[in-house]
Amino acid sequence: MLSPKVFGHVNAHLLAQNAVSEDDNGSCRFRSGNDRKCAIGSLVRDNLYDAALEGVGISYYRHAQDSVLLRTLYASNVNAYNPNVIDLLIKLEQIHDDASVEDWPLLAAFGKRHAFV
């Protein structure tokens, strides 16, 4: 997926879900109960998701050459090896993890500012 499609997918997913994907301790997770998915988790194809992907945020992989998560995203048609895509994924993860759900409609302003919409 190109950056505008990645943004569009995550934006639609987060606004429809309207809830954070987190564990019982309040830690963000790619996938959690009630079929919730974070920004990154929503991009991973269901048949490729593995709980072993959990535990490290996407920003850790900004300068990584390879990892199971990057390969899984690539197999899910998201080229996280592309620096522009990884930067977008980091921003989207930060919005999911750090902004309150009530502020998620501001994703539209983020998309316009970066010419994704």
Protein backbone atom coordinates (compact mmCIF):
# COMPACT_ATOMS: atom_id res chain seq x y z
CA MET A 1 0.00 0.00 0.00
CA LEU A 2 1.14 3.50 -0.71
CA SER A 3 1.14 6.04 2.10
CA PRO A 4 -2.28 7.58 1.20
CA LYS A 5 -3.89 4.12 1.20
CA VAL A 6 -2.20 3.22 4.49
CA PHE A 7 -3.46 6.46 6.02
CA GLY A 8 -6.97 5.95 4.64
CA HIS A 9 -7.14 2.39 5.95
CA VAL A 10 -5.90 3.26 9.44
CA ASN A 11 -8.01 6.41 9.66
CA ALA A 12 -11.19 4.53 8.75
CA HIS A 13 -10.33 1.66 11.08
CA LEU A 14 -9.59 3.80 14.13
CA LEU A 15 -12.63 6.02 13.69
CA ALA A 16 -14.93 3.00 13.22
CA GLN A 17 -13.43 1.11 16.15
CA ASN A 18 -13.48 4.21 18.37
CA ALA A 19 -11.46 2.43 21.06
CA VAL A 20 -7.84 1.75 21.91
CA SER A 21 -6.39 -1.73 21.47
CA GLU A 22 -4.78 -2.50 24.80
CA ASP A 23 -4.28 -5.31 27.27
CA ASP A 24 -5.71 -5.56 30.79
CA ASN A 25 -2.80 -3.48 32.12
CA GLY A 26 -3.49 -0.61 29.71
CA SER A 27 -0.51 -1.33 27.45
CA CYS A 28 -1.19 -0.81 23.75
CA ARG A 29 -1.25 -3.96 21.63
CA PHE A 30 -1.43 -4.64 17.91
CA ARG A 31 -4.38 -6.92 18.66
CA SER A 32 -6.39 -7.18 21.86
CA GLY A 33 -9.72 -8.38 23.20
CA ASN A 34 -13.04 -7.52 21.57
CA ASP A 35 -11.34 -7.82 18.15
CA ARG A 36 -9.60 -4.48 18.65
CA LYS A 37 -6.59 -3.57 16.55
CA CYS A 38 -4.22 -0.64 16.84
CA ALA A 39 -3.09 1.42 13.85
CA ILE A 40 -0.36 -1.08 12.96
CA GLY A 41 -2.38 -4.15 13.92
CA SER A 42 -5.14 -3.11 11.54
CA LEU A 43 -2.67 -3.37 8.65
CA VAL A 44 -1.54 -6.92 9.43
CA ARG A 45 -3.57 -9.52 7.58
CA ASP A 46 -5.47 -11.75 9.98
CA ASN A 47 -3.86 -14.92 8.63
CA LEU A 48 -0.38 -13.43 9.22
CA TYR A 49 -0.90 -12.10 12.74
CA ASP A 50 1.02 -13.85 15.49
CA ALA A 51 1.09 -12.89 19.16
CA ALA A 52 4.90 -12.97 18.93
CA LEU A 53 4.68 -9.65 17.05
CA GLU A 54 3.55 -7.92 20.24
CA GLY A 55 5.78 -6.08 22.65
CA VAL A 56 7.73 -3.60 20.54
CA GLY A 57 6.29 -0.53 18.86
CA ILE A 58 6.88 0.26 15.21
CA SER A 59 9.20 3.19 16.04
CA TYR A 60 11.79 0.65 17.19
CA TYR A 61 12.07 -0.47 13.56
CA ARG A 62 12.72 2.97 12.03
CA HIS A 63 16.33 2.05 11.26
CA ALA A 64 16.00 -1.73 11.27
CA GLN A 65 17.07 -3.61 8.19
CA ASP A 66 14.69 -6.47 8.83
CA SER A 67 12.39 -8.02 11.43
CA VAL A 68 9.44 -10.35 11.68
CA LEU A 69 7.11 -7.34 11.98
CA LEU A 70 8.51 -5.63 8.88
CA ARG A 71 8.24 -8.89 6.91
CA THR A 72 4.68 -9.41 8.15
CA LEU A 73 3.67 -5.89 7.13
CA TYR A 74 5.32 -6.39 3.74
CA ALA A 75 3.41 -9.65 3.27
CA SER A 76 0.28 -7.67 4.21
CA ASN A 77 1.03 -5.30 1.30
CA VAL A 78 2.50 -2.51 3.47
CA ASN A 79 6.10 -1.68 2.55
CA ALA A 80 7.45 -0.71 5.97
CA TYR A 81 10.95 -0.85 4.48
CA ASN A 82 10.13 2.44 2.74
CA PRO A 83 11.27 5.33 5.01
CA ASN A 84 8.18 7.40 4.16
CA VAL A 85 5.84 4.55 5.05
CA ILE A 86 7.64 3.74 8.30
CA ASP A 87 7.51 7.43 9.32
CA LEU A 88 3.76 7.44 8.64
CA LEU A 89 3.29 4.23 10.63
CA ILE A 90 5.17 5.74 13.55
CA LYS A 91 2.92 8.83 13.53
CA LEU A 92 -0.24 6.72 13.30
CA GLU A 93 0.95 4.51 16.14
CA GLN A 94 1.63 7.61 18.25
CA ILE A 95 -1.89 8.89 17.60
CA HIS A 96 -3.40 5.54 18.64
CA ASP A 97 -1.18 5.18 21.69
CA ASP A 98 -0.98 8.77 22.95
CA ALA A 99 -4.04 10.75 21.83
CA SER A 100 -7.38 10.30 23.52
CA VAL A 101 -10.03 8.57 21.42
CA GLU A 102 -12.04 11.80 21.46
CA ASP A 103 -9.16 13.46 19.56
CA TRP A 104 -8.97 10.83 16.81
CA PRO A 105 -11.17 12.84 14.42
CA LEU A 106 -8.11 15.12 14.20
CA LEU A 107 -6.64 12.40 11.98
CA ALA A 108 -8.38 14.18 9.10
CA ALA A 109 -6.32 17.33 9.73
CA PHE A 110 -3.17 15.20 9.89
CA GLY A 111 -4.12 13.60 6.56
CA LYS A 112 -4.76 16.95 4.89
CA ARG A 113 -1.53 18.41 6.24
CA HIS A 114 0.39 15.53 4.68
CA ALA A 115 -1.71 15.42 1.49
CA PHE A 116 -3.13 11.97 2.20
CA VAL A 117 -6.71 13.14 1.75
